[in-house]
PDB file of N, CA and C in Angstrom:
ATOM      1  N   MET A   1     149.329 189.148 192.917  1.00  0.00           N
ATOM      2  CA  MET A   1     149.579 189.957 191.909  1.00  0.00           C
ATOM      3  C   MET A   1     148.461 189.853 191.051  1.00  0.00           C
ATOM      4  N   LEU A   2     147.441 190.832 190.850  1.00  0.00           N
ATOM      5  CA  LEU A   2     146.595 190.104 189.819  1.00  0.00           C
ATOM      6  C   LEU A   2     146.125 190.323 189.096  1.00  0.00           C
ATOM      7  N   SER A   3     145.473 189.634 188.021  1.00  0.00           N
ATOM      8  CA  SER A   3     145.632 189.713 186.702  1.00  0.00           C
ATOM      9  C   SER A   3     144.004 189.398 186.477  1.00  0.00           C
ATOM     10  N   ILE A   4     143.576 189.628 184.758  1.00  0.00           N
ATOM     11  CA  ILE A   4     142.714 188.643 184.765  1.00  0.00           C
ATOM     12  C   ILE A   4     142.915 188.553 182.811  1.00  0.00           C
ATOM     13  N   ILE A   5     141.084 187.641 182.641  1.00  0.00           N
ATOM     14  CA  ILE A   5     141.759 186.643 181.399  1.00  0.00           C
ATOM     15  C   ILE A   5     140.184 186.883 180.884  1.00  0.00           C
ATOM     16  N   SER A   6     139.870 187.256 179.537  1.00  0.00           N
ATOM     17  CA  SER A   6     138.830 187.278 179.502  1.00  0.00           C
ATOM     18  C   SER A   6     139.162 186.431 177.624  1.00  0.00           C
ATOM     19  N   VAL A   7     138.235 185.020 177.728  1.00  0.00           N
ATOM     20  CA  VAL A   7     138.019 184.708 176.517  1.00  0.00           C
ATOM     21  C   VAL A   7     136.003 184.575 176.133  1.00  0.00           C
ATOM     22  N   THR A   8     136.073 185.258 175.152  1.00  0.00           N
ATOM     23  CA  THR A   8     134.616 185.352 174.340  1.00  0.00           C
ATOM     24  C   THR A   8     134.602 185.019 173.289  1.00  0.00           C
ATOM     25  N   SER A   9     133.119 184.460 172.824  1.00  0.00           N
ATOM     26  CA  SER A   9     132.831 183.577 171.647  1.00  0.00           C
ATOM     27  C   SER A   9     133.418 184.980 170.276  1.00  0.00           C
ATOM     28  N   TYR A  10     133.602 185.941 170.659  1.00  0.00           N
ATOM     29  CA  TYR A  10     133.377 187.243 169.522  1.00  0.00           C
ATOM     30  C   TYR A  10     134.880 187.628 169.143  1.00  0.00           C
ATOM     31  N   GLU A  11     135.775 187.652 170.632  1.00  0.00           N
ATOM     32  CA  GLU A  11     137.481 188.267 170.126  1.00  0.00           C
ATOM     33  C   GLU A  11     137.999 187.210 170.962  1.00  0.00           C
ATOM     34  N   ARG A  12     138.936 187.298 170.827  1.00  0.00           N
ATOM     35  CA  ARG A  12     140.436 186.264 170.979  1.00  0.00           C
ATOM     36  C   ARG A  12     140.851 186.690 172.266  1.00  0.00           C
ATOM     37  N   VAL A  13     141.583 185.468 172.977  1.00  0.00           N
ATOM     38  CA  VAL A  13     141.896 185.642 174.352  1.00  0.00           C
ATOM     39  C   VAL A  13     142.612 186.748 174.770  1.00  0.00           C
ATOM     40  N   LYS A  14     141.624 187.992 176.052  1.00  0.00           N
ATOM     41  CA  LYS A  14     143.005 189.073 176.376  1.00  0.00           C
ATOM     42  C   LYS A  14     142.627 188.835 177.512  1.00  0.00           C
ATOM     43  N   PHE A  15     144.355 188.993 177.637  1.00  0.00           N
ATOM     44  CA  PHE A  15     145.293 188.939 179.448  1.00  0.00           C
ATOM     45  C   PHE A  15     145.611 190.595 179.843  1.00  0.00           C
ATOM     46  N   GLY A  16     145.065 190.440 181.017  1.00  0.00           N
ATOM     47  CA  GLY A  16     145.322 191.507 181.994  1.00  0.00           C
ATOM     48  C   GLY A  16     144.420 192.366 182.021  1.00  0.00           C
ATOM     49  N   PHE A  17     143.891 193.524 182.480  1.00  0.00           N
ATOM     50  CA  PHE A  17     143.740 194.772 182.853  1.00  0.00           C
ATOM     51  C   PHE A  17     142.823 195.818 181.916  1.00  0.00           C
ATOM     52  N   ASN A  18     144.307 196.094 181.168  1.00  0.00           N
ATOM     53  CA  ASN A  18     144.282 197.260 179.771  1.00  0.00           C
ATOM     54  C   ASN A  18     143.517 196.651 179.191  1.00  0.00           C
ATOM     55  N   GLU A  19     143.826 195.621 178.538  1.00  0.00           N
ATOM     56  CA  GLU A  19     142.603 194.863 177.401  1.00  0.00           C
ATOM     57  C   GLU A  19     141.460 195.026 177.825  1.00  0.00           C
ATOM     58  N   VAL A  20     141.631 193.965 178.893  1.00  0.00           N
ATOM     59  CA  VAL A  20     139.707 193.998 179.269  1.00  0.00           C
ATOM     60  C   VAL A  20     138.983 194.593 179.295  1.00  0.00           C
ATOM     61  N   ARG A  21     139.045 196.066 180.139  1.00  0.00           N
ATOM     62  CA  ARG A  21     139.103 197.522 180.123  1.00  0.00           C
ATOM     63  C   ARG A  21     138.138 198.035 178.752  1.00  0.00           C
ATOM     64  N   LYS A  22     139.361 197.403 177.945  1.00  0.00           N
ATOM     65  CA  LYS A  22     138.626 198.042 176.226  1.00  0.00           C
ATOM     66  C   LYS A  22     137.713 197.901 175.850  1.00  0.00           C
ATOM     67  N   ASP A  23     136.931 197.165 176.277  1.00  0.00           N
ATOM     68  CA  ASP A  23     135.923 196.386 176.378  1.00  0.00           C
ATOM     69  C   ASP A  23     134.652 197.084 176.823  1.00  0.00           C
ATOM     70  N   SER A  24     134.992 197.736 177.938  1.00  0.00           N
ATOM     71  CA  SER A  24     134.048 197.913 178.927  1.00  0.00           C
ATOM     72  C   SER A  24     133.452 199.211 178.260  1.00  0.00           C
ATOM     73  N   GLY A  25     133.409 200.169 177.711  1.00  0.00           N
ATOM     74  CA  GLY A  25     132.953 201.058 177.524  1.00  0.00           C
ATOM     75  C   GLY A  25     130.950 200.829 176.258  1.00  0.00           C
ATOM     76  N   PHE A  26     131.219 199.529 176.143  1.00  0.00           N
ATOM     77  CA  PHE A  26     130.220 199.048 175.537  1.00  0.00           C
ATOM     78  C   PHE A  26     129.665 199.233 176.702  1.00  0.00           C
ATOM     79  N   TRP A  27     129.460 198.989 177.863  1.00  0.00           N
ATOM     80  CA  TRP A  27     127.992 199.455 179.166  1.00  0.00           C
ATOM     81  C   TRP A  27     127.431 201.090 179.211  1.00  0.00           C
ATOM     82  N   GLY A  28     128.543 201.592 178.642  1.00  0.00           N
ATOM     83  CA  GLY A  28     128.272 202.531 178.493  1.00  0.00           C
ATOM     84  C   GLY A  28     127.422 204.187 177.590  1.00  0.00           C
ATOM     85  N   ASN A  29     127.693 202.350 176.298  1.00  0.00           N
ATOM     86  CA  ASN A  29     126.945 203.255 175.070  1.00  0.00           C
ATOM     87  C   ASN A  29     125.730 202.967 174.935  1.00  0.00           C
ATOM     88  N   PRO A  30     125.431 204.886 174.375  1.00  0.00           N
ATOM     89  CA  PRO A  30     124.118 205.389 174.430  1.00  0.00           C
ATOM     90  C   PRO A  30     122.957 204.553 174.292  1.00  0.00           C
ATOM     91  N   ASN A  31     123.373 203.036 172.893  1.00  0.00           N
ATOM     92  CA  ASN A  31     122.797 202.213 172.285  1.00  0.00           C
ATOM     93  C   ASN A  31     122.682 201.234 173.122  1.00  0.00           C
ATOM     94  N   PHE A  32     122.774 201.008 174.492  1.00  0.00           N
ATOM     95  CA  PHE A  32     122.929 200.059 175.438  1.00  0.00           C
ATOM     96  C   PHE A  32     121.809 199.961 176.521  1.00  0.00           C
ATOM     97  N   LYS A  33     121.186 199.269 177.043  1.00  0.00           N
ATOM     98  CA  LYS A  33     119.903 199.385 178.040  1.00  0.00           C
ATOM     99  C   LYS A  33     119.719 198.770 178.521  1.00  0.00           C
ATOM    100  N   ALA A  34     120.051 198.089 180.089  1.00  0.00           N
ATOM    101  CA  ALA A  34     120.258 197.415 180.923  1.00  0.00           C
ATOM    102  C   ALA A  34     118.688 197.754 181.358  1.00  0.00           C
ATOM    103  N   ILE A  35     118.263 196.142 181.279  1.00  0.00           N
ATOM    104  CA  ILE A  35     116.632 196.652 182.165  1.00  0.00           C
ATOM    105  C   ILE A  35     116.761 195.852 183.223  1.00  0.00           C
ATOM    106  N   ARG A  36     116.711 194.618 182.962  1.00  0.00           N
ATOM    107  CA  ARG A  36     116.614 194.158 184.257  1.00  0.00           C
ATOM    108  C   ARG A  36     117.669 193.103 184.291  1.00  0.00           C
ATOM    109  N   HIS A  37     117.650 191.576 185.517  1.00  0.00           N
ATOM    110  CA  HIS A  37     118.637 190.458 185.680  1.00  0.00           C
ATOM    111  C   HIS A  37     118.023 189.837 186.585  1.00  0.00           C
ATOM    112  N   GLU A  38     117.690 188.603 186.585  1.00  0.00           N
ATOM    113  CA  GLU A  38     116.989 187.128 187.594  1.00  0.00           C
ATOM    114  C   GLU A  38     117.887 185.935 187.166  1.00  0.00           C
ATOM    115  N   LEU A  39     118.847 185.966 189.030  1.00  0.00           N
ATOM    116  CA  LEU A  39     119.318 184.693 188.736  1.00  0.00           C
ATOM    117  C   LEU A  39     118.192 183.557 189.312  1.00  0.00           C
ATOM    118  N   ARG A  40     117.955 182.478 189.277  1.00  0.00           N
ATOM    119  CA  ARG A  40     117.785 181.542 188.986  1.00  0.00           C
ATOM    120  C   ARG A  40     118.550 179.911 189.882  1.00  0.00           C
ATOM    121  N   ASP A  41     117.829 179.028 190.401  1.00  0.00           N
ATOM    122  CA  ASP A  41     118.215 177.417 191.127  1.00  0.00           C
ATOM    123  C   ASP A  41     119.772 178.123 191.699  1.00  0.00           C
ATOM    124  N   LEU A  42     119.542 178.944 192.098  1.00  0.00           N
ATOM    125  CA  LEU A  42     121.253 179.290 192.883  1.00  0.00           C
ATOM    126  C   LEU A  42     121.716 177.913 194.101  1.00  0.00           C
ATOM    127  N   HIS A  43     122.887 177.608 193.963  1.00  0.00           N
ATOM    128  CA  HIS A  43     123.703 176.691 194.602  1.00  0.00           C
ATOM    129  C   HIS A  43     125.010 177.252 194.954  1.00  0.00           C
ATOM    130  N   ILE A  44     125.582 176.978 196.322  1.00  0.00           N
ATOM    131  CA  ILE A  44     126.004 177.819 196.630  1.00  0.00           C
ATOM    132  C   ILE A  44     126.721 176.875 197.587  1.00  0.00           C
ATOM    133  N   ASN A  45     128.200 176.823 197.733  1.00  0.00           N
ATOM    134  CA  ASN A  45     129.400 175.312 198.119  1.00  0.00           C
ATOM    135  C   ASN A  45     129.648 176.413 198.494  1.00  0.00           C
ATOM    136  N   PHE A  46     130.713 175.850 200.651  1.00  0.00           N
ATOM    137  CA  PHE A  46     131.378 177.015 200.967  1.00  0.00           C
ATOM    138  C   PHE A  46     133.205 175.412 201.102  1.00  0.00           C
ATOM    139  N   SER A  47     134.117 176.260 201.662  1.00  0.00           N
ATOM    140  CA  SER A  47     134.955 174.850 201.162  1.00  0.00           C
ATOM    141  C   SER A  47     135.004 174.777 203.094  1.00  0.00           C
ATOM    142  N   GLU A  48     135.597 173.892 203.459  1.00  0.00           N
ATOM    143  CA  GLU A  48     135.922 173.878 204.900  1.00  0.00           C
ATOM    144  C   GLU A  48     135.725 175.111 205.830  1.00  0.00           C
ATOM    145  N   ASN A  49     137.026 175.583 205.346  1.00  0.00           N
ATOM    146  CA  ASN A  49     136.881 176.941 206.305  1.00  0.00           C
ATOM    147  C   ASN A  49     136.255 178.249 205.725  1.00  0.00           C
ATOM    148  N   LYS A  50     135.449 177.880 204.968  1.00  0.00           N
ATOM    149  CA  LYS A  50     134.340 179.274 204.534  1.00  0.00           C
ATOM    150  C   LYS A  50     135.520 180.585 204.181  1.00  0.00           C
ATOM    151  N   ASP A  51     136.430 179.930 203.213  1.00  0.00           N
ATOM    152  CA  ASP A  51     136.708 181.129 202.855  1.00  0.00           C
ATOM    153  C   ASP A  51     137.158 181.040 201.082  1.00  0.00           C
ATOM    154  N   VAL A  52     135.851 179.820 200.620  1.00  0.00           N
ATOM    155  CA  VAL A  52     136.153 179.880 199.449  1.00  0.00           C
ATOM    156  C   VAL A  52     135.060 178.853 199.703  1.00  0.00           C
ATOM    157  N   ALA A  53     134.128 179.835 198.051  1.00  0.00           N
ATOM    158  CA  ALA A  53     132.646 179.191 197.615  1.00  0.00           C
ATOM    159  C   ALA A  53     132.645 178.957 196.280  1.00  0.00           C
ATOM    160  N   TRP A  54     131.740 177.841 195.991  1.00  0.00           N
ATOM    161  CA  TRP A  54     131.717 177.994 194.573  1.00  0.00           C
ATOM    162  C   TRP A  54     130.065 177.668 194.573  1.00  0.00           C
ATOM    163  N   PHE A  55     129.935 179.134 193.179  1.00  0.00           N
ATOM    164  CA  PHE A  55     128.183 178.612 193.030  1.00  0.00           C
ATOM    165  C   PHE A  55     127.627 178.281 191.342  1.00  0.00           C
ATOM    166  N   PHE A  56     126.333 177.838 190.925  1.00  0.00           N
ATOM    167  CA  PHE A  56     126.327 177.711 190.113  1.00  0.00           C
ATOM    168  C   PHE A  56     124.804 178.098 189.936  1.00  0.00           C
ATOM    169  N   CYS A  57     124.205 178.889 189.151  1.00  0.00           N
ATOM    170  CA  CYS A  57     122.382 179.505 189.075  1.00  0.00           C
ATOM    171  C   CYS A  57     122.268 179.426 186.921  1.00  0.00           C
ATOM    172  N   TYR A  58     121.371 179.320 187.377  1.00  0.00           N
ATOM    173  CA  TYR A  58     120.816 179.987 185.869  1.00  0.00           C
ATOM    174  C   TYR A  58     120.042 181.339 185.954  1.00  0.00           C
ATOM    175  N   LEU A  59     121.235 182.792 184.703  1.00  0.00           N
ATOM    176  CA  LEU A  59     121.364 184.270 185.116  1.00  0.00           C
ATOM    177  C   LEU A  59     120.062 184.120 183.568  1.00  0.00           C
ATOM    178  N   ASP A  60     119.387 184.454 184.309  1.00  0.00           N
ATOM    179  CA  ASP A  60     118.437 186.320 182.828  1.00  0.00           C
ATOM    180  C   ASP A  60     119.594 187.655 182.760  1.00  0.00           C
ATOM    181  N   ASP A  61     119.749 187.947 181.659  1.00  0.00           N
ATOM    182  CA  ASP A  61     120.121 188.916 182.108  1.00  0.00           C
ATOM    183  C   ASP A  61     119.663 189.901 180.612  1.00  0.00           C
ATOM    184  N   ILE A  62     118.290 190.820 180.775  1.00  0.00           N
ATOM    185  CA  ILE A  62     117.477 191.221 179.793  1.00  0.00           C
ATOM    186  C   ILE A  62     117.978 192.480 179.502  1.00  0.00           C
ATOM    187  N   ASN A  63     118.191 192.870 178.468  1.00  0.00           N
ATOM    188  CA  ASN A  63     118.741 194.244 177.420  1.00  0.00           C
ATOM    189  C   ASN A  63     118.214 194.839 176.596  1.00  0.00           C
ATOM    190  N   GLU A  64     119.210 195.756 175.994  1.00  0.00           N
ATOM    191  CA  GLU A  64     118.702 195.828 174.813  1.00  0.00           C
ATOM    192  C   GLU A  64     119.811 196.487 174.345  1.00  0.00           C
ATOM    193  N   TRP A  65     119.339 196.105 172.468  1.00  0.00           N
ATOM    194  CA  TRP A  65     121.023 196.899 171.885  1.00  0.00           C
ATOM    195  C   TRP A  65     119.919 198.138 170.644  1.00  0.00           C
ATOM    196  N   LYS A  66     120.221 199.470 170.725  1.00  0.00           N
ATOM    197  CA  LYS A  66     119.656 199.937 169.677  1.00  0.00           C
ATOM    198  C   LYS A  66     117.879 200.275 169.572  1.00  0.00           C
ATOM    199  N   GLY A  67     117.115 199.305 170.291  1.00  0.00           N
ATOM    200  CA  GLY A  67     116.614 199.710 170.919  1.00  0.00           C
ATOM    201  C   GLY A  67     115.912 197.807 170.801  1.00  0.00           C
ATOM    202  N   GLU A  68     116.365 196.855 170.579  1.00  0.00           N
ATOM    203  CA  GLU A  68     116.290 195.924 170.211  1.00  0.00           C
ATOM    204  C   GLU A  68     116.581 194.169 171.200  1.00  0.00           C
ATOM    205  N   PRO A  69     115.906 192.951 171.508  1.00  0.00           N
ATOM    206  CA  PRO A  69     115.964 192.466 172.159  1.00  0.00           C
ATOM    207  C   PRO A  69     118.069 192.602 172.168  1.00  0.00           C
ATOM    208  N   ALA A  70     118.162 192.007 173.471  1.00  0.00           N
ATOM    209  CA  ALA A  70     119.805 191.766 172.832  1.00  0.00           C
ATOM    210  C   ALA A  70     120.002 190.882 174.419  1.00  0.00           C
ATOM    211  N   ASN A  71     119.056 190.077 175.179  1.00  0.00           N
ATOM    212  CA  ASN A  71     118.948 189.245 176.301  1.00  0.00           C
ATOM    213  C   ASN A  71     120.570 188.034 176.251  1.00  0.00           C
ATOM    214  N   TRP A  72     121.289 187.648 177.115  1.00  0.00           N
ATOM    215  CA  TRP A  72     121.050 186.452 177.818  1.00  0.00           C
ATOM    216  C   TRP A  72     119.750 185.466 178.541  1.00  0.00           C
ATOM    217  N   GLU A  73     119.086 184.735 177.865  1.00  0.00           N
ATOM    218  CA  GLU A  73     118.305 183.755 178.789  1.00  0.00           C
ATOM    219  C   GLU A  73     118.162 182.435 178.673  1.00  0.00           C
ATOM    220  N   ASN A  74     118.167 182.234 180.397  1.00  0.00           N
ATOM    221  CA  ASN A  74     119.249 180.597 180.928  1.00  0.00           C
ATOM    222  C   ASN A  74     120.056 180.116 180.394  1.00  0.00           C
ATOM    223  N   ALA A  75     121.786 181.286 180.556  1.00  0.00           N
ATOM    224  CA  ALA A  75     122.905 181.398 180.320  1.00  0.00           C
ATOM    225  C   ALA A  75     123.417 180.016 181.861  1.00  0.00           C
ATOM    226  N   ARG A  76     124.803 179.430 182.439  1.00  0.00           N
ATOM    227  CA  ARG A  76     124.587 178.397 183.037  1.00  0.00           C
ATOM    228  C   ARG A  76     125.475 179.287 183.595  1.00  0.00           C
ATOM    229  N   TRP A  77     126.178 179.970 184.670  1.00  0.00           N
ATOM    230  CA  TRP A  77     126.629 180.493 185.031  1.00  0.00           C
ATOM    231  C   TRP A  77     127.232 179.969 186.082  1.00  0.00           C
ATOM    232  N   THR A  78     128.703 180.012 186.001  1.00  0.00           N
ATOM    233  CA  THR A  78     129.491 179.126 186.804  1.00  0.00           C
ATOM    234  C   THR A  78     131.064 180.001 188.034  1.00  0.00           C
ATOM    235  N   GLY A  79     130.997 179.818 189.215  1.00  0.00           N
ATOM    236  CA  GLY A  79     132.488 180.465 189.662  1.00  0.00           C
ATOM    237  C   GLY A  79     132.648 180.292 190.837  1.00  0.00           C
ATOM    238  N   VAL A  80     133.600 181.003 190.927  1.00  0.00           N
ATOM    239  CA  VAL A  80     134.404 179.710 191.920  1.00  0.00           C
ATOM    240  C   VAL A  80     135.024 181.753 192.868  1.00  0.00           C
ATOM    241  N   LEU A  81     134.896 181.607 194.028  1.00  0.00           N
ATOM    242  CA  LEU A  81     135.090 183.078 195.465  1.00  0.00           C
ATOM    243  C   LEU A  81     135.613 182.827 195.925  1.00  0.00           C
ATOM    244  N   GLU A  82     136.643 184.303 196.876  1.00  0.00           N
ATOM    245  CA  GLU A  82     137.464 184.536 197.324  1.00  0.00           C
ATOM    246  C   GLU A  82     137.258 184.986 198.379  1.00  0.00           C
ATOM    247  N   LYS A  83     137.836 184.544 200.227  1.00  0.00           N
ATOM    248  CA  LYS A  83     137.656 185.604 200.962  1.00  0.00           C
ATOM    249  C   LYS A  83     138.826 185.882 200.876  1.00  0.00           C
ATOM    250  N   ARG A  84     138.865 187.214 200.740  1.00  0.00           N
ATOM    251  CA  ARG A  84     140.573 188.261 200.431  1.00  0.00           C
ATOM    252  C   ARG A  84     139.675 189.740 201.016  1.00  0.00           C
ATOM    253  N   ASN A  85     140.622 189.902 202.719  1.00  0.00           N
ATOM    254  CA  ASN A  85     140.899 190.878 203.410  1.00  0.00           C
ATOM    255  C   ASN A  85     138.654 190.905 204.060  1.00  0.00           C
ATOM    256  N   GLY A  86     138.830 190.157 204.604  1.00  0.00           N
ATOM    257  CA  GLY A  86     137.154 190.491 204.529  1.00  0.00           C
ATOM    258  C   GLY A  86     135.706 190.496 203.487  1.00  0.00           C
ATOM    259  N   LYS A  87     136.348 190.694 201.892  1.00  0.00           N
ATOM    260  CA  LYS A  87     135.819 190.105 201.509  1.00  0.00           C
ATOM    261  C   LYS A  87     135.947 189.390 200.341  1.00  0.00           C
ATOM    262  N   TRP A  88     134.373 188.901 198.831  1.00  0.00           N
ATOM    263  CA  TRP A  88     134.299 188.145 198.197  1.00  0.00           C
ATOM    264  C   TRP A  88     134.590 188.567 197.042  1.00  0.00           C
ATOM    265  N   VAL A  89     135.316 187.829 196.604  1.00  0.00           N
ATOM    266  CA  VAL A  89     136.124 188.614 195.296  1.00  0.00           C
ATOM    267  C   VAL A  89     135.640 187.202 194.153  1.00  0.00           C
ATOM    268  N   VAL A  90     135.371 187.082 193.125  1.00  0.00           N
ATOM    269  CA  VAL A  90     135.295 186.197 191.964  1.00  0.00           C
ATOM    270  C   VAL A  90     136.874 186.246 191.449  1.00  0.00           C
ATOM    271  N   VAL A  91     136.625 185.218 191.505  1.00  0.00           N
ATOM    272  CA  VAL A  91     138.621 184.387 191.529  1.00  0.00           C
ATOM    273  C   VAL A  91     138.245 183.969 189.464  1.00  0.00           C
ATOM    274  N   GLN A  92     137.383 183.095 189.538  1.00  0.00           N
ATOM    275  CA  GLN A  92     137.180 182.454 188.085  1.00  0.00           C
ATOM    276  C   GLN A  92     135.324 182.603 187.876  1.00  0.00           C
ATOM    277  N   GLN A  93     135.054 182.890 186.446  1.00  0.00           N
ATOM    278  CA  GLN A  93     133.750 182.431 186.122  1.00  0.00           C
ATOM    279  C   GLN A  93     133.606 182.118 184.835  1.00  0.00           C
ATOM    280  N   HIS A  94     132.067 181.183 184.756  1.00  0.00           N
ATOM    281  CA  HIS A  94     132.087 180.804 183.201  1.00  0.00           C
ATOM    282  C   HIS A  94     130.395 181.211 182.790  1.00  0.00           C
ATOM    283  N   PHE A  95     130.026 181.310 182.143  1.00  0.00           N
ATOM    284  CA  PHE A  95     129.040 181.837 181.665  1.00  0.00           C
ATOM    285  C   PHE A  95     129.165 180.623 180.263  1.00  0.00           C
ATOM    286  N   SER A  96     127.675 179.633 180.267  1.00  0.00           N
ATOM    287  CA  SER A  96     127.491 179.286 178.963  1.00  0.00           C
ATOM    288  C   SER A  96     126.086 179.243 178.474  1.00  0.00           C
ATOM    289  N   PHE A  97     126.086 178.200 177.294  1.00  0.00           N
ATOM    290  CA  PHE A  97     124.353 178.697 176.834  1.00  0.00           C
ATOM    291  C   PHE A  97     124.318 176.247 176.229  1.00  0.00           C
ATOM    292  N   VAL A  98     122.826 176.916 176.145  1.00  0.00           N
ATOM    293  CA  VAL A  98     122.648 175.228 175.592  1.00  0.00           C
ATOM    294  C   VAL A  98     122.613 175.424 174.349  1.00  0.00           C
ATOM    295  N   CYS A  99     123.379 174.185 173.995  1.00  0.00           N
ATOM    296  CA  CYS A  99     122.880 174.944 171.760  1.00  0.00           C
ATOM    297  C   CYS A  99     121.641 173.613 171.643  1.00  0.00           C
ATOM    298  N   GLU A 100     120.577 174.248 170.619  1.00  0.00           N
ATOM    299  CA  GLU A 100     119.422 174.165 170.208  1.00  0.00           C
ATOM    300  C   GLU A 100     119.889 172.881 168.684  1.00  0.00           C
ATOM    301  N   GLN A 101     119.837 172.916 168.810  1.00  0.00           N
ATOM    302  CA  GLN A 101     120.262 171.287 167.440  1.00  0.00           C
ATOM    303  C   GLN A 101     118.413 171.328 166.707  1.00  0.00           C
TER     304      GLN A 101
END
């Protein structure tokens, strides 16, 4: 069975596609503008059978909200992919940020 769990800093934990889908309207909102993204220092490790992979990189995701910057810069992105029916799918991912003190 396919499922999804979303944990965010601004909302409660969401279980299931329907709950997560409720937030997806944000991307189509005319106030949001995707500008560019860049991955740096990408590392990928494969399982012995080459059907599971773990990755790590830094992500710059440059966007605007109502004309103002709404960027993720130097986000650490990690995840696990699994090859299913010949296609790679993300089965787990995590974003984190360095806390400036």
